[in-house]
PDB file of all heavy atoms in Angstrom:
ATOM      1  N   ASP A   1       0.813  -1.217   0.000  1.00  0.00           N
ATOM      2  CA  ASP A   1       0.000   0.000   0.000  1.00  0.00           C
ATOM      3  C   ASP A   1       0.846   1.265   0.000  1.00  0.00           C
ATOM      4  O   ASP A   1       0.329   2.375   0.155  1.00  0.00           O
ATOM      5  CB  ASP A   1      -0.951   0.009   1.196  1.00  0.00           C
ATOM      6  CG  ASP A   1      -0.217   0.029   2.535  1.00  0.00           C
ATOM      7  OD1 ASP A   1       1.034   0.063   2.531  1.00  0.00           O
ATOM      8  OD2 ASP A   1      -0.895   0.003   3.589  1.00  0.00           O
ATOM      9  N   GLY A   2       2.170   1.092  -0.162  1.00  0.00           N
ATOM     10  CA  GLY A   2       3.063   2.239  -0.186  1.00  0.00           C
ATOM     11  C   GLY A   2       3.634   2.601   1.160  1.00  0.00           C
ATOM     12  O   GLY A   2       4.508   3.469   1.259  1.00  0.00           O
ATOM     13  N   ASP A   3       3.147   1.982   2.225  1.00  0.00           N
ATOM     14  CA  ASP A   3       3.641   2.245   3.574  1.00  0.00           C
ATOM     15  C   ASP A   3       4.863   1.365   3.852  1.00  0.00           C
ATOM     16  O   ASP A   3       5.355   0.657   2.978  1.00  0.00           O
ATOM     17  CB  ASP A   3       2.532   1.962   4.591  1.00  0.00           C
ATOM     18  CG  ASP A   3       2.768   2.666   5.926  1.00  0.00           C
ATOM     19  OD1 ASP A   3       3.844   3.280   6.094  1.00  0.00           O
ATOM     20  OD2 ASP A   3       1.875   2.589   6.801  1.00  0.00           O
ATOM     21  N   VAL A   4       5.348   1.414   5.065  1.00  0.00           N
ATOM     22  CA  VAL A   4       6.470   0.600   5.517  1.00  0.00           C
ATOM     23  C   VAL A   4       5.993  -0.259   6.673  1.00  0.00           C
ATOM     24  O   VAL A   4       5.294   0.226   7.572  1.00  0.00           O
ATOM     25  CB  VAL A   4       7.651   1.490   5.975  1.00  0.00           C
ATOM     26  CG1 VAL A   4       8.744   0.641   6.616  1.00  0.00           C
ATOM     27  CG2 VAL A   4       8.211   2.278   4.809  1.00  0.00           C
ATOM     28  N   GLU A   5       6.353  -1.549   6.639  1.00  0.00           N
ATOM     29  CA  GLU A   5       6.027  -2.407   7.771  1.00  0.00           C
ATOM     30  C   GLU A   5       7.314  -2.801   8.490  1.00  0.00           C
ATOM     31  O   GLU A   5       8.375  -2.923   7.880  1.00  0.00           O
ATOM     32  CB  GLU A   5       5.257  -3.646   7.329  1.00  0.00           C
ATOM     33  CG  GLU A   5       6.008  -4.612   6.440  1.00  0.00           C
ATOM     34  CD  GLU A   5       5.161  -5.823   6.064  1.00  0.00           C
ATOM     35  OE1 GLU A   5       3.916  -5.748   6.193  1.00  0.00           O
ATOM     36  OE2 GLU A   5       5.744  -6.841   5.638  1.00  0.00           O
ATOM     37  N   VAL A   6       7.188  -2.969   9.792  1.00  0.00           N
ATOM     38  CA  VAL A   6       8.321  -3.314  10.631  1.00  0.00           C
ATOM     39  C   VAL A   6       8.493  -4.830  10.626  1.00  0.00           C
ATOM     40  O   VAL A   6       7.540  -5.574  10.889  1.00  0.00           O
ATOM     41  CB  VAL A   6       8.120  -2.797  12.067  1.00  0.00           C
ATOM     42  CG1 VAL A   6       9.295  -3.210  12.952  1.00  0.00           C
ATOM     43  CG2 VAL A   6       7.948  -1.280  12.073  1.00  0.00           C
ATOM     44  N   VAL A   7       9.719  -5.285  10.319  1.00  0.00           N
ATOM     45  CA  VAL A   7      10.026  -6.707  10.319  1.00  0.00           C
ATOM     46  C   VAL A   7      11.090  -6.959  11.384  1.00  0.00           C
ATOM     47  O   VAL A   7      12.134  -6.293  11.403  1.00  0.00           O
ATOM     48  CB  VAL A   7      10.530  -7.173   8.939  1.00  0.00           C
ATOM     49  CG1 VAL A   7      10.858  -8.665   8.964  1.00  0.00           C
ATOM     50  CG2 VAL A   7       9.493  -6.873   7.865  1.00  0.00           C
ATOM     51  N   LEU A   8      10.819  -7.925  12.245  1.00  0.00           N
ATOM     52  CA  LEU A   8      11.707  -8.226  13.369  1.00  0.00           C
ATOM     53  C   LEU A   8      12.256  -9.644  13.231  1.00  0.00           C
ATOM     54  O   LEU A   8      11.497 -10.600  13.035  1.00  0.00           O
ATOM     55  CB  LEU A   8      10.934  -8.098  14.694  1.00  0.00           C
ATOM     56  CG  LEU A   8      11.672  -8.488  15.974  1.00  0.00           C
ATOM     57  CD1 LEU A   8      12.839  -7.555  16.249  1.00  0.00           C
ATOM     58  CD2 LEU A   8      10.701  -8.488  17.164  1.00  0.00           C
ATOM     59  N   PHE A   9      13.583  -9.757  13.327  1.00  0.00           N
ATOM     60  CA  PHE A   9      14.236 -11.059  13.363  1.00  0.00           C
ATOM     61  C   PHE A   9      14.776 -11.276  14.776  1.00  0.00           C
ATOM     62  O   PHE A   9      15.386 -10.366  15.352  1.00  0.00           O
ATOM     63  CB  PHE A   9      15.386 -11.118  12.360  1.00  0.00           C
ATOM     64  CG  PHE A   9      14.957 -10.929  10.931  1.00  0.00           C
ATOM     65  CD1 PHE A   9      14.949  -9.662  10.359  1.00  0.00           C
ATOM     66  CD2 PHE A   9      14.547 -12.006  10.158  1.00  0.00           C
ATOM     67  CE1 PHE A   9      14.545  -9.471   9.051  1.00  0.00           C
ATOM     68  CE2 PHE A   9      14.144 -11.826   8.847  1.00  0.00           C
ATOM     69  CZ  PHE A   9      14.136 -10.563   8.291  1.00  0.00           C
ATOM     70  N   VAL A  10      14.560 -12.455  15.322  1.00  0.00           N
ATOM     71  CA  VAL A  10      15.003 -12.735  16.687  1.00  0.00           C
ATOM     72  C   VAL A  10      15.839 -14.009  16.711  1.00  0.00           C
ATOM     73  O   VAL A  10      15.573 -14.967  15.976  1.00  0.00           O
ATOM     74  CB  VAL A  10      13.822 -12.868  17.674  1.00  0.00           C
ATOM     75  CG1 VAL A  10      13.113 -11.534  17.846  1.00  0.00           C
ATOM     76  CG2 VAL A  10      12.850 -13.940  17.222  1.00  0.00           C
ATOM     77  N   VAL A  11      16.859 -13.998  17.552  1.00  0.00           N
ATOM     78  CA  VAL A  11      17.625 -15.192  17.878  1.00  0.00           C
ATOM     79  C   VAL A  11      17.161 -15.643  19.256  1.00  0.00           C
ATOM     80  O   VAL A  11      17.191 -14.850  20.208  1.00  0.00           O
ATOM     81  CB  VAL A  11      19.139 -14.915  17.882  1.00  0.00           C
ATOM     82  CG1 VAL A  11      19.919 -16.140  18.330  1.00  0.00           C
ATOM     83  CG2 VAL A  11      19.601 -14.458  16.513  1.00  0.00           C
ATOM     84  N   MET A  12      16.714 -16.868  19.348  1.00  0.00           N
ATOM     85  CA  MET A  12      16.180 -17.347  20.604  1.00  0.00           C
ATOM     86  C   MET A  12      17.299 -17.746  21.571  1.00  0.00           C
ATOM     87  O   MET A  12      18.376 -18.212  21.157  1.00  0.00           O
ATOM     88  CB  MET A  12      15.247 -18.544  20.371  1.00  0.00           C
ATOM     89  CG  MET A  12      14.112 -18.267  19.391  1.00  0.00           C
ATOM     90  SD  MET A  12      13.191 -16.755  19.782  1.00  0.00           S
ATOM     91  CE  MET A  12      12.581 -17.157  21.426  1.00  0.00           C
ATOM     92  N   ALA A  13      17.044 -17.560  22.849  1.00  0.00           N
ATOM     93  CA  ALA A  13      17.967 -18.032  23.874  1.00  0.00           C
ATOM     94  C   ALA A  13      17.999 -19.560  23.849  1.00  0.00           C
ATOM     95  O   ALA A  13      17.095 -20.204  23.303  1.00  0.00           O
ATOM     96  CB  ALA A  13      17.522 -17.521  25.244  1.00  0.00           C
ATOM     97  N   PRO A  14      19.042 -20.173  24.404  1.00  0.00           N
ATOM     98  CA  PRO A  14      19.121 -21.642  24.388  1.00  0.00           C
ATOM     99  C   PRO A  14      17.852 -22.297  24.934  1.00  0.00           C
ATOM    100  O   PRO A  14      17.286 -21.855  25.948  1.00  0.00           O
ATOM    101  CB  PRO A  14      20.337 -21.924  25.290  1.00  0.00           C
ATOM    102  CG  PRO A  14      21.181 -20.708  25.161  1.00  0.00           C
ATOM    103  CD  PRO A  14      20.220 -19.565  25.037  1.00  0.00           C
ATOM    104  N   GLU A  15      17.413 -23.314  24.218  1.00  0.00           N
ATOM    105  CA  GLU A  15      16.260 -24.130  24.593  1.00  0.00           C
ATOM    106  C   GLU A  15      14.941 -23.354  24.556  1.00  0.00           C
ATOM    107  O   GLU A  15      13.951 -23.764  25.170  1.00  0.00           O
ATOM    108  CB  GLU A  15      16.461 -24.762  25.982  1.00  0.00           C
ATOM    109  CG  GLU A  15      17.708 -25.645  26.063  1.00  0.00           C
ATOM    110  CD  GLU A  15      17.881 -26.287  27.422  1.00  0.00           C
ATOM    111  OE1 GLU A  15      17.016 -26.087  28.299  1.00  0.00           O
ATOM    112  OE2 GLU A  15      18.899 -26.970  27.609  1.00  0.00           O
ATOM    113  N   GLN A  16      14.916 -22.230  23.834  1.00  0.00           N
ATOM    114  CA  GLN A  16      13.684 -21.448  23.696  1.00  0.00           C
ATOM    115  C   GLN A  16      13.199 -21.508  22.248  1.00  0.00           C
ATOM    116  O   GLN A  16      13.991 -21.679  21.318  1.00  0.00           O
ATOM    117  CB  GLN A  16      13.912 -19.988  24.105  1.00  0.00           C
ATOM    118  CG  GLN A  16      14.334 -19.810  25.555  1.00  0.00           C
ATOM    119  CD  GLN A  16      13.261 -20.226  26.533  1.00  0.00           C
ATOM    120  OE1 GLN A  16      12.065 -20.090  26.264  1.00  0.00           O
ATOM    121  NE2 GLN A  16      13.682 -20.757  27.678  1.00  0.00           N
ATOM    122  N   THR A  17      11.906 -21.343  22.066  1.00  0.00           N
ATOM    123  CA  THR A  17      11.275 -21.407  20.750  1.00  0.00           C
ATOM    124  C   THR A  17      10.363 -20.206  20.569  1.00  0.00           C
ATOM    125  O   THR A  17       9.736 -19.746  21.531  1.00  0.00           O
ATOM    126  CB  THR A  17      10.451 -22.703  20.601  1.00  0.00           C
ATOM    127  OG1 THR A  17      11.299 -23.824  20.847  1.00  0.00           O
ATOM    128  CG2 THR A  17       9.863 -22.825  19.197  1.00  0.00           C
ATOM    129  N   LEU A  18      10.293 -19.703  19.336  1.00  0.00           N
ATOM    130  CA  LEU A  18       9.389 -18.601  19.037  1.00  0.00           C
ATOM    131  C   LEU A  18       7.981 -19.170  18.843  1.00  0.00           C
ATOM    132  O   LEU A  18       7.654 -19.711  17.788  1.00  0.00           O
ATOM    133  CB  LEU A  18       9.841 -17.853  17.782  1.00  0.00           C
ATOM    134  CG  LEU A  18       8.977 -16.660  17.362  1.00  0.00           C
ATOM    135  CD1 LEU A  18       8.967 -15.593  18.447  1.00  0.00           C
ATOM    136  CD2 LEU A  18       9.467 -16.081  16.037  1.00  0.00           C
ATOM    137  N   THR A  19       7.178 -19.057  19.861  1.00  0.00           N
ATOM    138  CA  THR A  19       5.804 -19.564  19.822  1.00  0.00           C
ATOM    139  C   THR A  19       4.840 -18.426  19.535  1.00  0.00           C
ATOM    140  O   THR A  19       5.183 -17.242  19.698  1.00  0.00           O
ATOM    141  CB  THR A  19       5.441 -20.197  21.169  1.00  0.00           C
ATOM    142  OG1 THR A  19       5.490 -19.158  22.182  1.00  0.00           O
ATOM    143  CG2 THR A  19       6.424 -21.302  21.539  1.00  0.00           C
ATOM    144  N   PRO A  20       3.597 -18.734  19.105  1.00  0.00           N
ATOM    145  CA  PRO A  20       2.595 -17.673  18.929  1.00  0.00           C
ATOM    146  C   PRO A  20       2.386 -16.861  20.202  1.00  0.00           C
ATOM    147  O   PRO A  20       2.180 -15.646  20.138  1.00  0.00           O
ATOM    148  CB  PRO A  20       1.336 -18.447  18.530  1.00  0.00           C
ATOM    149  CG  PRO A  20       1.857 -19.680  17.868  1.00  0.00           C
ATOM    150  CD  PRO A  20       3.097 -20.046  18.612  1.00  0.00           C
ATOM    151  N   GLU A  21       2.463 -17.532  21.351  1.00  0.00           N
ATOM    152  CA  GLU A  21       2.278 -16.806  22.615  1.00  0.00           C
ATOM    153  C   GLU A  21       3.402 -15.810  22.841  1.00  0.00           C
ATOM    154  O   GLU A  21       3.173 -14.674  23.280  1.00  0.00           O
ATOM    155  CB  GLU A  21       2.217 -17.820  23.767  1.00  0.00           C
ATOM    156  CG  GLU A  21       1.913 -17.214  25.136  1.00  0.00           C
ATOM    157  CD  GLU A  21       3.127 -16.587  25.818  1.00  0.00           C
ATOM    158  OE1 GLU A  21       4.264 -17.077  25.581  1.00  0.00           O
ATOM    159  OE2 GLU A  21       2.942 -15.600  26.570  1.00  0.00           O
ATOM    160  N   LEU A  22       4.665 -16.225  22.520  1.00  0.00           N
ATOM    161  CA  LEU A  22       5.793 -15.313  22.702  1.00  0.00           C
ATOM    162  C   LEU A  22       5.710 -14.162  21.707  1.00  0.00           C
ATOM    163  O   LEU A  22       6.010 -13.013  22.052  1.00  0.00           O
ATOM    164  CB  LEU A  22       7.116 -16.067  22.546  1.00  0.00           C
ATOM    165  CG  LEU A  22       8.385 -15.222  22.700  1.00  0.00           C
ATOM    166  CD1 LEU A  22       8.418 -14.520  24.051  1.00  0.00           C
ATOM    167  CD2 LEU A  22       9.638 -16.084  22.503  1.00  0.00           C
ATOM    168  N   GLU A  23       5.330 -14.440  20.456  1.00  0.00           N
ATOM    169  CA  GLU A  23       5.145 -13.365  19.476  1.00  0.00           C
ATOM    170  C   GLU A  23       4.154 -12.331  20.006  1.00  0.00           C
ATOM    171  O   GLU A  23       4.382 -11.119  19.897  1.00  0.00           O
ATOM    172  CB  GLU A  23       4.639 -13.933  18.151  1.00  0.00           C
ATOM    173  CG  GLU A  23       5.685 -14.658  17.333  1.00  0.00           C
ATOM    174  CD  GLU A  23       5.240 -14.857  15.894  1.00  0.00           C
ATOM    175  OE1 GLU A  23       4.680 -13.909  15.312  1.00  0.00           O
ATOM    176  OE2 GLU A  23       5.444 -15.952  15.355  1.00  0.00           O
ATOM    177  N   LYS A  24       3.054 -12.815  20.569  1.00  0.00           N
ATOM    178  CA  LYS A  24       2.035 -11.905  21.108  1.00  0.00           C
ATOM    179  C   LYS A  24       2.607 -11.071  22.250  1.00  0.00           C
ATOM    180  O   LYS A  24       2.357  -9.855  22.349  1.00  0.00           O
ATOM    181  CB  LYS A  24       0.832 -12.710  21.582  1.00  0.00           C
ATOM    182  CG  LYS A  24      -0.311 -11.858  22.099  1.00  0.00           C
ATOM    183  CD  LYS A  24      -1.504 -12.725  22.491  1.00  0.00           C
ATOM    184  CE  LYS A  24      -2.648 -11.866  23.022  1.00  0.00           C
ATOM    185  NZ  LYS A  24      -3.825 -12.720  23.406  1.00  0.00           N
ATOM    186  N   ARG A  25       3.426 -11.728  23.097  1.00  0.00           N
ATOM    187  CA  ARG A  25       3.999 -11.003  24.233  1.00  0.00           C
ATOM    188  C   ARG A  25       5.007  -9.957  23.756  1.00  0.00           C
ATOM    189  O   ARG A  25       5.090  -8.848  24.323  1.00  0.00           O
ATOM    190  CB  ARG A  25       4.659 -12.009  25.185  1.00  0.00           C
ATOM    191  CG  ARG A  25       5.221 -11.397  26.458  1.00  0.00           C
ATOM    192  CD  ARG A  25       5.134 -12.383  27.623  1.00  0.00           C
ATOM    193  NE  ARG A  25       5.750 -13.647  27.311  1.00  0.00           N
ATOM    194  CZ  ARG A  25       7.033 -13.946  27.548  1.00  0.00           C
ATOM    195  NH1 ARG A  25       7.821 -13.020  28.087  1.00  0.00           N
ATOM    196  NH2 ARG A  25       7.521 -15.132  27.254  1.00  0.00           N
ATOM    197  N   ILE A  26       5.803 -10.297  22.734  1.00  0.00           N
ATOM    198  CA  ILE A  26       6.754  -9.326  22.183  1.00  0.00           C
ATOM    199  C   ILE A  26       6.010  -8.105  21.653  1.00  0.00           C
ATOM    200  O   ILE A  26       6.370  -6.957  21.946  1.00  0.00           O
ATOM    201  CB  ILE A  26       7.597  -9.981  21.068  1.00  0.00           C
ATOM    202  CG1 ILE A  26       8.567 -11.006  21.657  1.00  0.00           C
ATOM    203  CG2 ILE A  26       8.372  -8.920  20.285  1.00  0.00           C
ATOM    204  CD1 ILE A  26       9.302 -11.832  20.617  1.00  0.00           C
ATOM    205  N   ARG A  27       4.963  -8.354  20.871  1.00  0.00           N
ATOM    206  CA  ARG A  27       4.200  -7.234  20.299  1.00  0.00           C
ATOM    207  C   ARG A  27       3.532  -6.401  21.395  1.00  0.00           C
ATOM    208  O   ARG A  27       3.517  -5.163  21.335  1.00  0.00           O
ATOM    209  CB  ARG A  27       3.154  -7.759  19.311  1.00  0.00           C
ATOM    210  CG  ARG A  27       3.737  -8.279  18.003  1.00  0.00           C
ATOM    211  CD  ARG A  27       2.646  -8.550  16.981  1.00  0.00           C
ATOM    212  NE  ARG A  27       3.214  -8.911  15.691  1.00  0.00           N
ATOM    213  CZ  ARG A  27       3.403 -10.168  15.279  1.00  0.00           C
ATOM    214  NH1 ARG A  27       3.041 -11.179  16.059  1.00  0.00           N
ATOM    215  NH2 ARG A  27       3.941 -10.407  14.100  1.00  0.00           N
ATOM    216  N   SER A  28       3.008  -7.074  22.392  1.00  0.00           N
ATOM    217  CA  SER A  28       2.326  -6.347  23.471  1.00  0.00           C
ATOM    218  C   SER A  28       3.303  -5.469  24.237  1.00  0.00           C
ATOM    219  O   SER A  28       2.992  -4.330  24.602  1.00  0.00           O
ATOM    220  CB  SER A  28       1.657  -7.340  24.427  1.00  0.00           C
ATOM    221  OG  SER A  28       0.647  -8.060  23.775  1.00  0.00           O
TER     222      SER A  28
END
């Protein structure tokens, strides 16, 4: 649409996984 969207790349800490719940918490 001509705008800019923010894209975030994350490296997880040992034994951690990027889950939908964590994504929600990051955004919140």
